[in-house]
Amino acid sequence: MDGGLITTVCIGIGLLASTLGVVGILRFPDVYTRLHAETKLTTFGSIFLCLAIIVHVLSKYLAGGDGQYVVLGVHTLVALAALAFTNAIGAHAISRAAHRAGIKPEGVIDRLSEVKQK
């Protein structure tokens, strides 16, 4: 399989997931469901976009042996790891702050309020 085809497929999946995350932000009713859609889908989309970069870098490195592609691949891996952790932590912090501010979730069970009442 060609590296260009794999790169194109990964970019397509990443863009589709990121687009669905944006649609989730616009369509979902409250801050919690919007955060869920945004965090899950943009993380998934970012992973595939980073995979596209890594596949492209590997194909270029294997074809020419240029060391600058290795640096780009390592930087992409570091960015991917940071993104995976910071998206989840950021979404948790925002949702916790929203709950403390008194914003209640719509249409779902609020387990945090149930725990606080005990």
C-alpha atoms as a PDB file:
ATOM      1  CA  MET A   1       0.000   0.000   0.000  1.00  0.00           C
ATOM      2  CA  ASP A   2       1.256   3.438  -0.882  1.00  0.00           C
ATOM      3  CA  GLY A   3       2.226   5.885   1.874  1.00  0.00           C
ATOM      4  CA  GLY A   4       0.382   8.652   0.047  1.00  0.00           C
ATOM      5  CA  LEU A   5      -2.857   6.698   0.076  1.00  0.00           C
ATOM      6  CA  ILE A   6      -2.565   5.906   3.796  1.00  0.00           C
ATOM      7  CA  THR A   7      -1.774   9.551   4.492  1.00  0.00           C
ATOM      8  CA  THR A   8      -4.801  10.674   2.506  1.00  0.00           C
ATOM      9  CA  VAL A   9      -7.100   8.219   4.289  1.00  0.00           C
ATOM     10  CA  CYS A  10      -5.800   9.314   7.709  1.00  0.00           C
ATOM     11  CA  ILE A  11      -6.293  12.979   6.814  1.00  0.00           C
ATOM     12  CA  GLY A  12      -9.835  12.232   5.636  1.00  0.00           C
ATOM     13  CA  ILE A  13     -10.725  10.390   8.833  1.00  0.00           C
ATOM     14  CA  GLY A  14      -9.162  13.137  10.942  1.00  0.00           C
ATOM     15  CA  LEU A  15     -11.023  15.887   9.136  1.00  0.00           C
ATOM     16  CA  LEU A  16     -14.312  13.983   9.318  1.00  0.00           C
ATOM     17  CA  ALA A  17     -13.952  13.382  13.050  1.00  0.00           C
ATOM     18  CA  SER A  18     -13.010  16.995  13.709  1.00  0.00           C
ATOM     19  CA  THR A  19     -15.953  18.192  11.632  1.00  0.00           C
ATOM     20  CA  LEU A  20     -18.314  15.960  13.598  1.00  0.00           C
ATOM     21  CA  GLY A  21     -16.876  17.440  16.799  1.00  0.00           C
ATOM     22  CA  VAL A  22     -17.734  20.921  15.558  1.00  0.00           C
ATOM     23  CA  VAL A  23     -21.239  19.773  14.664  1.00  0.00           C
ATOM     24  CA  GLY A  24     -21.557  18.343  18.187  1.00  0.00           C
ATOM     25  CA  ILE A  25     -20.591  21.690  19.670  1.00  0.00           C
ATOM     26  CA  LEU A  26     -23.233  23.441  17.602  1.00  0.00           C
ATOM     27  CA  ARG A  27     -26.044  20.909  18.036  1.00  0.00           C
ATOM     28  CA  PHE A  28     -25.819  19.461  21.558  1.00  0.00           C
ATOM     29  CA  PRO A  29     -27.933  21.112  24.272  1.00  0.00           C
ATOM     30  CA  ASP A  30     -25.623  21.760  27.227  1.00  0.00           C
ATOM     31  CA  VAL A  31     -22.006  22.315  28.152  1.00  0.00           C
ATOM     32  CA  TYR A  32     -21.427  18.705  29.211  1.00  0.00           C
ATOM     33  CA  THR A  33     -22.558  17.041  26.003  1.00  0.00           C
ATOM     34  CA  ARG A  34     -20.788  19.691  23.953  1.00  0.00           C
ATOM     35  CA  LEU A  35     -17.576  19.036  25.859  1.00  0.00           C
ATOM     36  CA  HIS A  36     -18.011  15.313  25.357  1.00  0.00           C
ATOM     37  CA  ALA A  37     -18.438  15.661  21.617  1.00  0.00           C
ATOM     38  CA  GLU A  38     -15.647  18.165  21.270  1.00  0.00           C
ATOM     39  CA  THR A  39     -13.166  16.247  23.375  1.00  0.00           C
ATOM     40  CA  LYS A  40     -13.768  12.772  21.973  1.00  0.00           C
ATOM     41  CA  LEU A  41     -14.002  13.669  18.327  1.00  0.00           C
ATOM     42  CA  THR A  42     -11.293  16.289  18.151  1.00  0.00           C
ATOM     43  CA  THR A  43      -8.911  13.993  20.014  1.00  0.00           C
ATOM     44  CA  PHE A  44      -9.770  11.181  17.612  1.00  0.00           C
ATOM     45  CA  GLY A  45      -9.380  13.528  14.644  1.00  0.00           C
ATOM     46  CA  SER A  46      -6.087  14.872  15.931  1.00  0.00           C
ATOM     47  CA  ILE A  47      -4.749  11.349  16.395  1.00  0.00           C
ATOM     48  CA  PHE A  48      -5.491  10.539  12.778  1.00  0.00           C
ATOM     49  CA  LEU A  49      -4.009  13.806  11.548  1.00  0.00           C
ATOM     50  CA  CYS A  50      -0.852  13.059  13.528  1.00  0.00           C
ATOM     51  CA  LEU A  51      -0.827   9.528  12.103  1.00  0.00           C
ATOM     52  CA  ALA A  52      -0.989  11.035   8.634  1.00  0.00           C
ATOM     53  CA  ILE A  53       2.053  13.158   9.423  1.00  0.00           C
ATOM     54  CA  ILE A  54       3.938  10.181  10.830  1.00  0.00           C
ATOM     55  CA  VAL A  55       3.150   8.000   7.801  1.00  0.00           C
ATOM     56  CA  HIS A  56       4.216  10.817   5.478  1.00  0.00           C
ATOM     57  CA  VAL A  57       7.419  11.323   7.464  1.00  0.00           C
ATOM     58  CA  LEU A  58       8.210   7.607   7.399  1.00  0.00           C
ATOM     59  CA  SER A  59       7.652   7.370   3.666  1.00  0.00           C
ATOM     60  CA  LYS A  60       9.870  10.400   3.026  1.00  0.00           C
ATOM     61  CA  TYR A  61      12.550   9.144   5.406  1.00  0.00           C
ATOM     62  CA  LEU A  62      12.599   5.673   3.906  1.00  0.00           C
ATOM     63  CA  ALA A  63      12.739   7.115   0.392  1.00  0.00           C
ATOM     64  CA  GLY A  64      15.495   9.663   0.987  1.00  0.00           C
ATOM     65  CA  GLY A  65      17.003   9.063   4.408  1.00  0.00           C
ATOM     66  CA  ASP A  66      16.817  12.741   5.363  1.00  0.00           C
ATOM     67  CA  GLY A  67      17.135  13.277   9.127  1.00  0.00           C
ATOM     68  CA  GLN A  68      14.821  16.289   9.252  1.00  0.00           C
ATOM     69  CA  TYR A  69      11.873  13.962   8.804  1.00  0.00           C
ATOM     70  CA  VAL A  70      12.826  12.049  11.947  1.00  0.00           C
ATOM     71  CA  VAL A  71      12.742  15.275  13.951  1.00  0.00           C
ATOM     72  CA  LEU A  72       9.325  16.113  12.544  1.00  0.00           C
ATOM     73  CA  GLY A  73       8.055  12.631  13.427  1.00  0.00           C
ATOM     74  CA  VAL A  74       9.337  12.851  16.993  1.00  0.00           C
ATOM     75  CA  HIS A  75       7.791  16.284  17.440  1.00  0.00           C
ATOM     76  CA  THR A  76       4.498  14.953  16.137  1.00  0.00           C
ATOM     77  CA  LEU A  77       4.581  12.067  18.619  1.00  0.00           C
ATOM     78  CA  VAL A  78       5.275  14.459  21.502  1.00  0.00           C
ATOM     79  CA  ALA A  79       2.453  16.744  20.379  1.00  0.00           C
ATOM     80  CA  LEU A  80       0.125  13.752  20.087  1.00  0.00           C
ATOM     81  CA  ALA A  81       0.910  12.576  23.629  1.00  0.00           C
ATOM     82  CA  ALA A  82       0.437  16.084  25.026  1.00  0.00           C
ATOM     83  CA  LEU A  83      -2.819  16.506  23.148  1.00  0.00           C
ATOM     84  CA  ALA A  84      -4.225  13.198  24.360  1.00  0.00           C
ATOM     85  CA  PHE A  85      -3.639  14.136  27.996  1.00  0.00           C
ATOM     86  CA  THR A  86      -4.505  17.826  27.881  1.00  0.00           C
ATOM     87  CA  ASN A  87      -7.795  17.356  26.023  1.00  0.00           C
ATOM     88  CA  ALA A  88      -9.139  14.960  28.629  1.00  0.00           C
ATOM     89  CA  ILE A  89      -7.835  16.965  31.589  1.00  0.00           C
ATOM     90  CA  GLY A  90      -9.098  20.245  30.155  1.00  0.00           C
ATOM     91  CA  ALA A  91     -12.553  18.863  29.481  1.00  0.00           C
ATOM     92  CA  HIS A  92     -12.739  17.461  32.997  1.00  0.00           C
ATOM     93  CA  ALA A  93     -11.694  20.789  34.505  1.00  0.00           C
ATOM     94  CA  ILE A  94     -14.209  22.747  32.431  1.00  0.00           C
ATOM     95  CA  SER A  95     -17.076  20.387  33.236  1.00  0.00           C
ATOM     96  CA  ARG A  96     -16.211  20.394  36.940  1.00  0.00           C
ATOM     97  CA  ALA A  97     -16.117  24.190  36.951  1.00  0.00           C
ATOM     98  CA  ALA A  98     -19.468  24.308  35.156  1.00  0.00           C
ATOM     99  CA  HIS A  99     -20.985  21.955  37.716  1.00  0.00           C
ATOM    100  CA  ARG A 100     -19.633  24.035  40.588  1.00  0.00           C
ATOM    101  CA  ALA A 101     -21.071  27.144  38.926  1.00  0.00           C
ATOM    102  CA  GLY A 102     -24.495  25.535  39.140  1.00  0.00           C
ATOM    103  CA  ILE A 103     -24.999  24.517  35.522  1.00  0.00           C
ATOM    104  CA  LYS A 104     -27.003  21.305  35.602  1.00  0.00           C
ATOM    105  CA  PRO A 105     -26.886  18.714  32.841  1.00  0.00           C
ATOM    106  CA  GLU A 106     -29.982  18.349  30.679  1.00  0.00           C
ATOM    107  CA  GLY A 107     -31.558  14.982  30.045  1.00  0.00           C
ATOM    108  CA  VAL A 108     -28.987  12.890  31.873  1.00  0.00           C
ATOM    109  CA  ILE A 109     -28.573  11.667  35.430  1.00  0.00           C
ATOM    110  CA  ASP A 110     -26.413  13.945  37.576  1.00  0.00           C
ATOM    111  CA  ARG A 111     -24.354  11.450  39.587  1.00  0.00           C
ATOM    112  CA  LEU A 112     -22.099  14.135  41.050  1.00  0.00           C
ATOM    113  CA  SER A 113     -25.061  15.845  42.742  1.00  0.00           C
ATOM    114  CA  GLU A 114     -26.267  12.485  44.042  1.00  0.00           C
ATOM    115  CA  VAL A 115     -22.857  11.788  45.559  1.00  0.00           C
ATOM    116  CA  LYS A 116     -22.670  15.239  47.147  1.00  0.00           C
ATOM    117  CA  GLN A 117     -26.086  14.777  48.788  1.00  0.00           C
ATOM    118  CA  LYS A 118     -25.012  11.609  50.605  1.00  0.00           C
END
